[in-house]
Amino acid sequence: MELPLETVALFCLKIAYETEDQSPILRDDLMMSDYEREVFGLLVRRGDVEVIQRKVAECVGLALDALGGAGTALGRELQRLADNFYSAQTMGQLDAPLIALKDYLKDIQ
């Protein structure tokens, strides 16, 4: 689960900050330090659903702003998928919404 969480964060930051005239944002960039696989791994091992959701919400919020908010077509779908992720109450319930969120972000970034 750590890798998809890190990937969601990476894709969100790419949407929010990456431009064509700059080098791409990579997993080892400083802005990814709070969203590294090891950070998520610790949270997953603790079973800390709330903190995982909060960290993902930080990144999704940045991407949502970059997309023009929840009033745009891309923003509405991102918000819907994120809400599904946020409504999970157990670690097991995070899997399917996380993969859907990751796949959507991959498609639009």
PDB file of N, CA and C in Angstrom:
ATOM      1  N   MET A   1       0.823  -1.190   0.000  1.00  0.00           N
ATOM      2  CA  MET A   1       0.000   0.000   0.000  1.00  0.00           C
ATOM      3  C   MET A   1       0.870   1.259   0.000  1.00  0.00           C
ATOM      4  N   GLU A   2       2.088   1.163   0.493  1.00  0.00           N
ATOM      5  CA  GLU A   2       2.939   2.340   0.585  1.00  0.00           C
ATOM      6  C   GLU A   2       3.236   2.944  -0.790  1.00  0.00           C
ATOM      7  N   LEU A   3       3.501   2.086  -1.765  1.00  0.00           N
ATOM      8  CA  LEU A   3       3.836   2.579  -3.100  1.00  0.00           C
ATOM      9  C   LEU A   3       2.674   3.333  -3.742  1.00  0.00           C
ATOM     10  N   PRO A   4       1.445   2.816  -3.719  1.00  0.00           N
ATOM     11  CA  PRO A   4       0.338   3.606  -4.288  1.00  0.00           C
ATOM     12  C   PRO A   4       0.103   4.927  -3.559  1.00  0.00           C
ATOM     13  N   LEU A   5       0.315   4.951  -2.249  1.00  0.00           N
ATOM     14  CA  LEU A   5       0.169   6.209  -1.505  1.00  0.00           C
ATOM     15  C   LEU A   5       1.210   7.218  -1.961  1.00  0.00           C
ATOM     16  N   GLU A   6       2.448   6.765  -2.086  1.00  0.00           N
ATOM     17  CA  GLU A   6       3.509   7.645  -2.559  1.00  0.00           C
ATOM     18  C   GLU A   6       3.229   8.112  -3.992  1.00  0.00           C
ATOM     19  N   THR A   7       2.709   7.228  -4.811  1.00  0.00           N
ATOM     20  CA  THR A   7       2.399   7.562  -6.197  1.00  0.00           C
ATOM     21  C   THR A   7       1.290   8.597  -6.280  1.00  0.00           C
ATOM     22  N   VAL A   8       0.263   8.467  -5.469  1.00  0.00           N
ATOM     23  CA  VAL A   8      -0.813   9.470  -5.432  1.00  0.00           C
ATOM     24  C   VAL A   8      -0.232  10.828  -5.072  1.00  0.00           C
ATOM     25  N   ALA A   9       0.617  10.868  -4.056  1.00  0.00           N
ATOM     26  CA  ALA A   9       1.238  12.135  -3.656  1.00  0.00           C
ATOM     27  C   ALA A   9       2.081  12.702  -4.791  1.00  0.00           C
ATOM     28  N   LEU A  10       2.872  11.859  -5.430  1.00  0.00           N
ATOM     29  CA  LEU A  10       3.722  12.308  -6.531  1.00  0.00           C
ATOM     30  C   LEU A  10       2.899  12.875  -7.678  1.00  0.00           C
ATOM     31  N   PHE A  11       1.857  12.176  -8.093  1.00  0.00           N
ATOM     32  CA  PHE A  11       1.025  12.649  -9.199  1.00  0.00           C
ATOM     33  C   PHE A  11       0.326  13.958  -8.845  1.00  0.00           C
ATOM     34  N   CYS A  12      -0.127  14.085  -7.601  1.00  0.00           N
ATOM     35  CA  CYS A  12      -0.764  15.338  -7.168  1.00  0.00           C
ATOM     36  C   CYS A  12       0.219  16.503  -7.236  1.00  0.00           C
ATOM     37  N   LEU A  13       1.427  16.277  -6.746  1.00  0.00           N
ATOM     38  CA  LEU A  13       2.426  17.341  -6.770  1.00  0.00           C
ATOM     39  C   LEU A  13       2.845  17.677  -8.192  1.00  0.00           C
ATOM     40  N   LYS A  14       2.866  16.690  -9.061  1.00  0.00           N
ATOM     41  CA  LYS A  14       3.162  16.952 -10.469  1.00  0.00           C
ATOM     42  C   LYS A  14       2.082  17.853 -11.075  1.00  0.00           C
ATOM     43  N   ILE A  15       0.830  17.555 -10.788  1.00  0.00           N
ATOM     44  CA  ILE A  15      -0.270  18.369 -11.302  1.00  0.00           C
ATOM     45  C   ILE A  15      -0.171  19.791 -10.754  1.00  0.00           C
ATOM     46  N   ALA A  16       0.155  19.907  -9.482  1.00  0.00           N
ATOM     47  CA  ALA A  16       0.184  21.215  -8.831  1.00  0.00           C
ATOM     48  C   ALA A  16       1.391  22.059  -9.227  1.00  0.00           C
ATOM     49  N   TYR A  17       2.545  21.438  -9.401  1.00  0.00           N
ATOM     50  CA  TYR A  17       3.773  22.222  -9.513  1.00  0.00           C
ATOM     51  C   TYR A  17       4.602  22.021 -10.775  1.00  0.00           C
ATOM     52  N   GLU A  18       4.439  20.923 -11.459  1.00  0.00           N
ATOM     53  CA  GLU A  18       5.315  20.642 -12.589  1.00  0.00           C
ATOM     54  C   GLU A  18       4.906  21.447 -13.815  1.00  0.00           C
ATOM     55  N   THR A  19       5.882  22.026 -14.470  1.00  0.00           N
ATOM     56  CA  THR A  19       5.623  22.753 -15.714  1.00  0.00           C
ATOM     57  C   THR A  19       6.495  22.153 -16.813  1.00  0.00           C
ATOM     58  N   GLU A  20       6.112  22.416 -18.037  1.00  0.00           N
ATOM     59  CA  GLU A  20       6.829  21.820 -19.166  1.00  0.00           C
ATOM     60  C   GLU A  20       8.260  22.326 -19.288  1.00  0.00           C
ATOM     61  N   ASP A  21       8.529  23.547 -18.864  1.00  0.00           N
ATOM     62  CA  ASP A  21       9.861  24.123 -19.044  1.00  0.00           C
ATOM     63  C   ASP A  21      10.821  23.816 -17.898  1.00  0.00           C
ATOM     64  N   GLN A  22      10.408  22.995 -16.943  1.00  0.00           N
ATOM     65  CA  GLN A  22      11.270  22.621 -15.824  1.00  0.00           C
ATOM     66  C   GLN A  22      11.496  21.115 -15.830  1.00  0.00           C
ATOM     67  N   SER A  23      12.475  20.692 -15.062  1.00  0.00           N
ATOM     68  CA  SER A  23      12.705  19.258 -14.956  1.00  0.00           C
ATOM     69  C   SER A  23      11.547  18.629 -14.185  1.00  0.00           C
ATOM     70  N   PRO A  24      11.240  17.374 -14.463  1.00  0.00           N
ATOM     71  CA  PRO A  24      10.095  16.725 -13.808  1.00  0.00           C
ATOM     72  C   PRO A  24      10.325  16.518 -12.314  1.00  0.00           C
ATOM     73  N   ILE A  25       9.227  16.488 -11.578  1.00  0.00           N
ATOM     74  CA  ILE A  25       9.276  16.180 -10.152  1.00  0.00           C
ATOM     75  C   ILE A  25       9.466  14.672 -10.013  1.00  0.00           C
ATOM     76  N   LEU A  26      10.414  14.287  -9.180  1.00  0.00           N
ATOM     77  CA  LEU A  26      10.730  12.878  -8.979  1.00  0.00           C
ATOM     78  C   LEU A  26      10.501  12.484  -7.528  1.00  0.00           C
ATOM     79  N   ARG A  27      10.472  11.192  -7.272  1.00  0.00           N
ATOM     80  CA  ARG A  27      10.224  10.686  -5.922  1.00  0.00           C
ATOM     81  C   ARG A  27      11.262  11.173  -4.912  1.00  0.00           C
ATOM     82  N   ASP A  28      12.478  11.423  -5.359  1.00  0.00           N
ATOM     83  CA  ASP A  28      13.522  11.829  -4.414  1.00  0.00           C
ATOM     84  C   ASP A  28      13.653  13.346  -4.283  1.00  0.00           C
ATOM     85  N   ASP A  29      12.738  14.109  -4.873  1.00  0.00           N
ATOM     86  CA  ASP A  29      12.746  15.561  -4.719  1.00  0.00           C
ATOM     87  C   ASP A  29      12.375  15.942  -3.288  1.00  0.00           C
ATOM     88  N   LEU A  30      12.912  17.062  -2.852  1.00  0.00           N
ATOM     89  CA  LEU A  30      12.688  17.530  -1.481  1.00  0.00           C
ATOM     90  C   LEU A  30      11.203  17.698  -1.164  1.00  0.00           C
ATOM     91  N   MET A  31      10.405  18.149  -2.123  1.00  0.00           N
ATOM     92  CA  MET A  31       8.975  18.352  -1.853  1.00  0.00           C
ATOM     93  C   MET A  31       8.243  17.048  -1.559  1.00  0.00           C
ATOM     94  N   MET A  32       8.866  15.915  -1.873  1.00  0.00           N
ATOM     95  CA  MET A  32       8.260  14.613  -1.594  1.00  0.00           C
ATOM     96  C   MET A  32       8.648  14.078  -0.214  1.00  0.00           C
ATOM     97  N   SER A  33       9.450  14.809   0.546  1.00  0.00           N
ATOM     98  CA  SER A  33       9.987  14.274   1.800  1.00  0.00           C
ATOM     99  C   SER A  33       8.908  13.857   2.801  1.00  0.00           C
ATOM    100  N   ASP A  34       7.809  14.576   2.853  1.00  0.00           N
ATOM    101  CA  ASP A  34       6.727  14.213   3.780  1.00  0.00           C
ATOM    102  C   ASP A  34       5.814  13.117   3.226  1.00  0.00           C
ATOM    103  N   TYR A  35       6.054  12.717   1.978  1.00  0.00           N
ATOM    104  CA  TYR A  35       5.165  11.768   1.315  1.00  0.00           C
ATOM    105  C   TYR A  35       5.930  10.567   0.757  1.00  0.00           C
ATOM    106  N   GLU A  36       7.096  10.283   1.320  1.00  0.00           N
ATOM    107  CA  GLU A  36       7.911   9.163   0.871  1.00  0.00           C
ATOM    108  C   GLU A  36       7.273   7.834   1.270  1.00  0.00           C
ATOM    109  N   ARG A  37       7.667   6.813   0.551  1.00  0.00           N
ATOM    110  CA  ARG A  37       7.169   5.467   0.820  1.00  0.00           C
ATOM    111  C   ARG A  37       7.427   5.053   2.266  1.00  0.00           C
ATOM    112  N   GLU A  38       8.584   5.432   2.812  1.00  0.00           N
ATOM    113  CA  GLU A  38       8.908   5.058   4.190  1.00  0.00           C
ATOM    114  C   GLU A  38       7.969   5.739   5.189  1.00  0.00           C
ATOM    115  N   VAL A  39       7.628   6.991   4.916  1.00  0.00           N
ATOM    116  CA  VAL A  39       6.698   7.712   5.792  1.00  0.00           C
ATOM    117  C   VAL A  39       5.341   7.019   5.777  1.00  0.00           C
ATOM    118  N   PHE A  40       4.849   6.715   4.574  1.00  0.00           N
ATOM    119  CA  PHE A  40       3.573   6.011   4.470  1.00  0.00           C
ATOM    120  C   PHE A  40       3.679   4.607   5.055  1.00  0.00           C
ATOM    121  N   GLY A  41       4.830   3.964   4.876  1.00  0.00           N
ATOM    122  CA  GLY A  41       5.023   2.624   5.428  1.00  0.00           C
ATOM    123  C   GLY A  41       4.850   2.599   6.929  1.00  0.00           C
ATOM    124  N   LEU A  42       5.415   3.582   7.602  1.00  0.00           N
ATOM    125  CA  LEU A  42       5.262   3.677   9.059  1.00  0.00           C
ATOM    126  C   LEU A  42       3.794   3.848   9.435  1.00  0.00           C
ATOM    127  N   LEU A  43       3.089   4.712   8.717  1.00  0.00           N
ATOM    128  CA  LEU A  43       1.665   4.938   9.000  1.00  0.00           C
ATOM    129  C   LEU A  43       0.831   3.691   8.726  1.00  0.00           C
ATOM    130  N   VAL A  44       1.182   2.969   7.660  1.00  0.00           N
ATOM    131  CA  VAL A  44       0.464   1.729   7.337  1.00  0.00           C
ATOM    132  C   VAL A  44       0.702   0.702   8.433  1.00  0.00           C
ATOM    133  N   ARG A  45       1.944   0.553   8.871  1.00  0.00           N
ATOM    134  CA  ARG A  45       2.241  -0.422   9.935  1.00  0.00           C
ATOM    135  C   ARG A  45       1.515  -0.067  11.228  1.00  0.00           C
ATOM    136  N   ARG A  46       1.351   1.219  11.485  1.00  0.00           N
ATOM    137  CA  ARG A  46       0.600   1.655  12.672  1.00  0.00           C
ATOM    138  C   ARG A  46      -0.902   1.511  12.475  1.00  0.00           C
ATOM    139  N   GLY A  47      -1.341   1.376  11.227  1.00  0.00           N
ATOM    140  CA  GLY A  47      -2.776   1.317  10.943  1.00  0.00           C
ATOM    141  C   GLY A  47      -3.452   2.651  11.138  1.00  0.00           C
ATOM    142  N   ASP A  48      -2.732   3.731  10.923  1.00  0.00           N
ATOM    143  CA  ASP A  48      -3.226   5.083  11.185  1.00  0.00           C
ATOM    144  C   ASP A  48      -3.972   5.647   9.971  1.00  0.00           C
ATOM    145  N   VAL A  49      -5.188   5.186   9.790  1.00  0.00           N
ATOM    146  CA  VAL A  49      -6.011   5.568   8.644  1.00  0.00           C
ATOM    147  C   VAL A  49      -6.215   7.079   8.578  1.00  0.00           C
ATOM    148  N   GLU A  50      -6.490   7.684   9.706  1.00  0.00           N
ATOM    149  CA  GLU A  50      -6.787   9.119   9.748  1.00  0.00           C
ATOM    150  C   GLU A  50      -5.603   9.965   9.274  1.00  0.00           C
ATOM    151  N   VAL A  51      -4.402   9.635   9.724  1.00  0.00           N
ATOM    152  CA  VAL A  51      -3.232  10.406   9.311  1.00  0.00           C
ATOM    153  C   VAL A  51      -2.925  10.154   7.833  1.00  0.00           C
ATOM    154  N   ILE A  52      -3.073   8.929   7.379  1.00  0.00           N
ATOM    155  CA  ILE A  52      -2.876   8.622   5.960  1.00  0.00           C
ATOM    156  C   ILE A  52      -3.842   9.457   5.127  1.00  0.00           C
ATOM    157  N   GLN A  53      -5.096   9.477   5.516  1.00  0.00           N
ATOM    158  CA  GLN A  53      -6.093  10.254   4.773  1.00  0.00           C
ATOM    159  C   GLN A  53      -5.764  11.744   4.801  1.00  0.00           C
ATOM    160  N   ARG A  54      -5.275  12.229   5.909  1.00  0.00           N
ATOM    161  CA  ARG A  54      -4.924  13.649   6.017  1.00  0.00           C
ATOM    162  C   ARG A  54      -3.752  14.000   5.110  1.00  0.00           C
ATOM    163  N   LYS A  55      -2.739  13.126   5.046  1.00  0.00           N
ATOM    164  CA  LYS A  55      -1.585  13.374   4.183  1.00  0.00           C
ATOM    165  C   LYS A  55      -2.004  13.347   2.711  1.00  0.00           C
ATOM    166  N   VAL A  56      -2.857  12.416   2.347  1.00  0.00           N
ATOM    167  CA  VAL A  56      -3.346  12.356   0.971  1.00  0.00           C
ATOM    168  C   VAL A  56      -4.195  13.592   0.680  1.00  0.00           C
ATOM    169  N   ALA A  57      -4.991  14.020   1.632  1.00  0.00           N
ATOM    170  CA  ALA A  57      -5.841  15.206   1.450  1.00  0.00           C
ATOM    171  C   ALA A  57      -5.008  16.456   1.177  1.00  0.00           C
ATOM    172  N   GLU A  58      -3.848  16.563   1.818  1.00  0.00           N
ATOM    173  CA  GLU A  58      -2.958  17.704   1.565  1.00  0.00           C
ATOM    174  C   GLU A  58      -2.572  17.756   0.090  1.00  0.00           C
ATOM    175  N   CYS A  59      -2.164  16.629  -0.433  1.00  0.00           N
ATOM    176  CA  CYS A  59      -1.726  16.559  -1.835  1.00  0.00           C
ATOM    177  C   CYS A  59      -2.894  16.726  -2.797  1.00  0.00           C
ATOM    178  N   VAL A  60      -3.985  16.066  -2.502  1.00  0.00           N
ATOM    179  CA  VAL A  60      -5.155  16.163  -3.383  1.00  0.00           C
ATOM    180  C   VAL A  60      -5.661  17.602  -3.415  1.00  0.00           C
ATOM    181  N   GLY A  61      -5.613  18.288  -2.293  1.00  0.00           N
ATOM    182  CA  GLY A  61      -6.033  19.684  -2.254  1.00  0.00           C
ATOM    183  C   GLY A  61      -5.206  20.556  -3.183  1.00  0.00           C
ATOM    184  N   LEU A  62      -3.903  20.318  -3.222  1.00  0.00           N
ATOM    185  CA  LEU A  62      -3.028  21.064  -4.131  1.00  0.00           C
ATOM    186  C   LEU A  62      -3.386  20.780  -5.590  1.00  0.00           C
ATOM    187  N   ALA A  63      -3.596  19.503  -5.889  1.00  0.00           N
ATOM    188  CA  ALA A  63      -3.959  19.137  -7.261  1.00  0.00           C
ATOM    189  C   ALA A  63      -5.318  19.710  -7.627  1.00  0.00           C
ATOM    190  N   LEU A  64      -6.248  19.655  -6.710  1.00  0.00           N
ATOM    191  CA  LEU A  64      -7.593  20.175  -6.963  1.00  0.00           C
ATOM    192  C   LEU A  64      -7.544  21.671  -7.255  1.00  0.00           C
ATOM    193  N   ASP A  65      -6.767  22.402  -6.491  1.00  0.00           N
ATOM    194  CA  ASP A  65      -6.599  23.839  -6.750  1.00  0.00           C
ATOM    195  C   ASP A  65      -6.009  24.078  -8.134  1.00  0.00           C
ATOM    196  N   ALA A  66      -5.000  23.289  -8.496  1.00  0.00           N
ATOM    197  CA  ALA A  66      -4.351  23.449  -9.798  1.00  0.00           C
ATOM    198  C   ALA A  66      -5.307  23.135 -10.952  1.00  0.00           C
ATOM    199  N   LEU A  67      -6.283  22.270 -10.688  1.00  0.00           N
ATOM    200  CA  LEU A  67      -7.265  21.905 -11.719  1.00  0.00           C
ATOM    201  C   LEU A  67      -8.424  22.897 -11.799  1.00  0.00           C
ATOM    202  N   GLY A  68      -8.439  23.884 -10.933  1.00  0.00           N
ATOM    203  CA  GLY A  68      -9.506  24.878 -10.946  1.00  0.00           C
ATOM    204  C   GLY A  68     -10.621  24.604  -9.963  1.00  0.00           C
ATOM    205  N   GLY A  69     -10.415  23.662  -9.050  1.00  0.00           N
ATOM    206  CA  GLY A  69     -11.394  23.366  -8.019  1.00  0.00           C
ATOM    207  C   GLY A  69     -12.378  22.288  -8.406  1.00  0.00           C
ATOM    208  N   ALA A  70     -13.285  22.012  -7.474  1.00  0.00           N
ATOM    209  CA  ALA A  70     -14.274  20.944  -7.668  1.00  0.00           C
ATOM    210  C   ALA A  70     -15.377  21.337  -8.641  1.00  0.00           C
ATOM    211  N   GLY A  71     -15.359  22.573  -9.112  1.00  0.00           N
ATOM    212  CA  GLY A  71     -16.363  23.014 -10.070  1.00  0.00           C
ATOM    213  C   GLY A  71     -16.041  22.647 -11.511  1.00  0.00           C
ATOM    214  N   THR A  72     -14.825  22.168 -11.759  1.00  0.00           N
ATOM    215  CA  THR A  72     -14.447  21.754 -13.109  1.00  0.00           C
ATOM    216  C   THR A  72     -14.711  20.259 -13.275  1.00  0.00           C
ATOM    217  N   ALA A  73     -14.757  19.814 -14.506  1.00  0.00           N
ATOM    218  CA  ALA A  73     -15.018  18.392 -14.757  1.00  0.00           C
ATOM    219  C   ALA A  73     -13.936  17.510 -14.124  1.00  0.00           C
ATOM    220  N   LEU A  74     -12.671  17.866 -14.337  1.00  0.00           N
ATOM    221  CA  LEU A  74     -11.585  17.073 -13.756  1.00  0.00           C
ATOM    222  C   LEU A  74     -11.603  17.164 -12.229  1.00  0.00           C
ATOM    223  N   GLY A  75     -11.880  18.342 -11.723  1.00  0.00           N
ATOM    224  CA  GLY A  75     -11.923  18.547 -10.278  1.00  0.00           C
ATOM    225  C   GLY A  75     -13.051  17.791  -9.604  1.00  0.00           C
ATOM    226  N   ARG A  76     -14.218  17.764 -10.245  1.00  0.00           N
ATOM    227  CA  ARG A  76     -15.350  17.025  -9.673  1.00  0.00           C
ATOM    228  C   ARG A  76     -15.028  15.552  -9.531  1.00  0.00           C
ATOM    229  N   GLU A  77     -14.438  14.976 -10.571  1.00  0.00           N
ATOM    230  CA  GLU A  77     -14.102  13.554 -10.521  1.00  0.00           C
ATOM    231  C   GLU A  77     -13.014  13.288  -9.482  1.00  0.00           C
ATOM    232  N   LEU A  78     -12.017  14.151  -9.419  1.00  0.00           N
ATOM    233  CA  LEU A  78     -10.970  14.003  -8.411  1.00  0.00           C
ATOM    234  C   LEU A  78     -11.568  14.093  -7.018  1.00  0.00           C
ATOM    235  N   GLN A  79     -12.456  15.037  -6.789  1.00  0.00           N
ATOM    236  CA  GLN A  79     -13.099  15.192  -5.481  1.00  0.00           C
ATOM    237  C   GLN A  79     -13.933  13.959  -5.132  1.00  0.00           C
ATOM    238  N   ARG A  80     -14.654  13.426  -6.103  1.00  0.00           N
ATOM    239  CA  ARG A  80     -15.472  12.229  -5.864  1.00  0.00           C
ATOM    240  C   ARG A  80     -14.598  11.045  -5.456  1.00  0.00           C
ATOM    241  N   LEU A  81     -13.516  10.842  -6.197  1.00  0.00           N
ATOM    242  CA  LEU A  81     -12.618   9.730  -5.886  1.00  0.00           C
ATOM    243  C   LEU A  81     -11.927   9.928  -4.535  1.00  0.00           C
ATOM    244  N   ALA A  82     -11.543  11.157  -4.253  1.00  0.00           N
ATOM    245  CA  ALA A  82     -10.919  11.453  -2.966  1.00  0.00           C
ATOM    246  C   ALA A  82     -11.906  11.230  -1.823  1.00  0.00           C
ATOM    247  N   ASP A  83     -13.146  11.643  -2.009  1.00  0.00           N
ATOM    248  CA  ASP A  83     -14.162  11.429  -0.968  1.00  0.00           C
ATOM    249  C   ASP A  83     -14.353   9.948  -0.670  1.00  0.00           C
ATOM    250  N   ASN A  84     -14.301   9.110  -1.702  1.00  0.00           N
ATOM    251  CA  ASN A  84     -14.384   7.657  -1.486  1.00  0.00           C
ATOM    252  C   ASN A  84     -13.221   7.179  -0.624  1.00  0.00           C
ATOM    253  N   PHE A  85     -12.041   7.720  -0.886  1.00  0.00           N
ATOM    254  CA  PHE A  85     -10.856   7.366  -0.099  1.00  0.00           C
ATOM    255  C   PHE A  85     -11.000   7.857   1.341  1.00  0.00           C
ATOM    256  N   TYR A  86     -11.492   9.078   1.508  1.00  0.00           N
ATOM    257  CA  TYR A  86     -11.638   9.657   2.846  1.00  0.00           C
ATOM    258  C   TYR A  86     -12.713   8.965   3.674  1.00  0.00           C
ATOM    259  N   SER A  87     -13.669   8.319   3.031  1.00  0.00           N
ATOM    260  CA  SER A  87     -14.748   7.675   3.778  1.00  0.00           C
ATOM    261  C   SER A  87     -14.352   6.305   4.326  1.00  0.00           C
ATOM    262  N   ALA A  88     -13.199   5.778   3.913  1.00  0.00           N
ATOM    263  CA  ALA A  88     -12.737   4.490   4.435  1.00  0.00           C
ATOM    264  C   ALA A  88     -12.447   4.614   5.927  1.00  0.00           C
ATOM    265  N   GLN A  89     -12.779   3.564   6.658  1.00  0.00           N
ATOM    266  CA  GLN A  89     -12.579   3.587   8.105  1.00  0.00           C
ATOM    267  C   GLN A  89     -11.532   2.594   8.582  1.00  0.00           C
ATOM    268  N   THR A  90     -11.136   1.673   7.704  1.00  0.00           N
ATOM    269  CA  THR A  90     -10.115   0.689   8.060  1.00  0.00           C
ATOM    270  C   THR A  90      -9.056   0.645   6.963  1.00  0.00           C
ATOM    271  N   MET A  91      -7.911   0.065   7.274  1.00  0.00           N
ATOM    272  CA  MET A  91      -6.846  -0.056   6.287  1.00  0.00           C
ATOM    273  C   MET A  91      -7.320  -0.855   5.076  1.00  0.00           C
ATOM    274  N   GLY A  92      -8.079  -1.902   5.303  1.00  0.00           N
ATOM    275  CA  GLY A  92      -8.576  -2.724   4.207  1.00  0.00           C
ATOM    276  C   GLY A  92      -9.504  -1.975   3.272  1.00  0.00           C
ATOM    277  N   GLN A  93     -10.227  -1.025   3.812  1.00  0.00           N
ATOM    278  CA  GLN A  93     -11.156  -0.244   2.991  1.00  0.00           C
ATOM    279  C   GLN A  93     -10.449   0.828   2.163  1.00  0.00           C
ATOM    280  N   LEU A  94      -9.183   1.080   2.439  1.00  0.00           N
ATOM    281  CA  LEU A  94      -8.440   2.095   1.692  1.00  0.00           C
ATOM    282  C   LEU A  94      -7.990   1.599   0.309  1.00  0.00           C
ATOM    283  N   ASP A  95      -7.817   0.301   0.158  1.00  0.00           N
ATOM    284  CA  ASP A  95      -7.198  -0.239  -1.056  1.00  0.00           C
ATOM    285  C   ASP A  95      -7.896   0.148  -2.355  1.00  0.00           C
ATOM    286  N   ALA A  96      -9.143  -0.198  -2.511  1.00  0.00           N
ATOM    287  CA  ALA A  96      -9.847   0.043  -3.778  1.00  0.00           C
ATOM    288  C   ALA A  96      -9.958   1.534  -4.107  1.00  0.00           C
ATOM    289  N   PRO A  97     -10.359   2.390  -3.159  1.00  0.00           N
ATOM    290  CA  PRO A  97     -10.415   3.816  -3.485  1.00  0.00           C
ATOM    291  C   PRO A  97      -9.035   4.412  -3.772  1.00  0.00           C
ATOM    292  N   LEU A  98      -7.996   3.887  -3.126  1.00  0.00           N
ATOM    293  CA  LEU A  98      -6.641   4.376  -3.368  1.00  0.00           C
ATOM    294  C   LEU A  98      -6.208   4.062  -4.801  1.00  0.00           C
ATOM    295  N   ILE A  99      -6.476   2.855  -5.249  1.00  0.00           N
ATOM    296  CA  ILE A  99      -6.102   2.466  -6.609  1.00  0.00           C
ATOM    297  C   ILE A  99      -6.883   3.288  -7.632  1.00  0.00           C
ATOM    298  N   ALA A 100      -8.171   3.514  -7.390  1.00  0.00           N
ATOM    299  CA  ALA A 100      -8.972   4.339  -8.305  1.00  0.00           C
ATOM    300  C   ALA A 100      -8.437   5.766  -8.357  1.00  0.00           C
ATOM    301  N   LEU A 101      -8.070   6.306  -7.227  1.00  0.00           N
ATOM    302  CA  LEU A 101      -7.506   7.656  -7.151  1.00  0.00           C
ATOM    303  C   LEU A 101      -6.166   7.719  -7.885  1.00  0.00           C
ATOM    304  N   LYS A 102      -5.321   6.747  -7.660  1.00  0.00           N
ATOM    305  CA  LYS A 102      -4.016   6.680  -8.324  1.00  0.00           C
ATOM    306  C   LYS A 102      -4.172   6.596  -9.835  1.00  0.00           C
ATOM    307  N   ASP A 103      -5.058   5.738 -10.289  1.00  0.00           N
ATOM    308  CA  ASP A 103      -5.263   5.565 -11.728  1.00  0.00           C
ATOM    309  C   ASP A 103      -5.792   6.839 -12.375  1.00  0.00           C
ATOM    310  N   TYR A 104      -6.705   7.522 -11.711  1.00  0.00           N
ATOM    311  CA  TYR A 104      -7.246   8.765 -12.250  1.00  0.00           C
ATOM    312  C   TYR A 104      -6.167   9.841 -12.332  1.00  0.00           C
ATOM    313  N   LEU A 105      -5.401   9.977 -11.270  1.00  0.00           N
ATOM    314  CA  LEU A 105      -4.331  10.979 -11.265  1.00  0.00           C
ATOM    315  C   LEU A 105      -3.289  10.676 -12.338  1.00  0.00           C
ATOM    316  N   LYS A 106      -2.997   9.399 -12.529  1.00  0.00           N
ATOM    317  CA  LYS A 106      -2.050   9.022 -13.587  1.00  0.00           C
ATOM    318  C   LYS A 106      -2.575   9.454 -14.948  1.00  0.00           C
ATOM    319  N   ASP A 107      -3.864   9.257 -15.166  1.00  0.00           N
ATOM    320  CA  ASP A 107      -4.475   9.610 -16.454  1.00  0.00           C
ATOM    321  C   ASP A 107      -4.484  11.102 -16.730  1.00  0.00           C
ATOM    322  N   ILE A 108      -4.648  11.912 -15.688  1.00  0.00           N
ATOM    323  CA  ILE A 108      -4.793  13.348 -15.932  1.00  0.00           C
ATOM    324  C   ILE A 108      -3.502  14.139 -15.752  1.00  0.00           C
ATOM    325  N   GLN A 109      -2.478  13.548 -15.181  1.00  0.00           N
ATOM    326  CA  GLN A 109      -1.249  14.325 -14.950  1.00  0.00           C
ATOM    327  C   GLN A 109      -0.379  14.451 -16.162  1.00  0.00           C
TER     328      GLN A 109
END
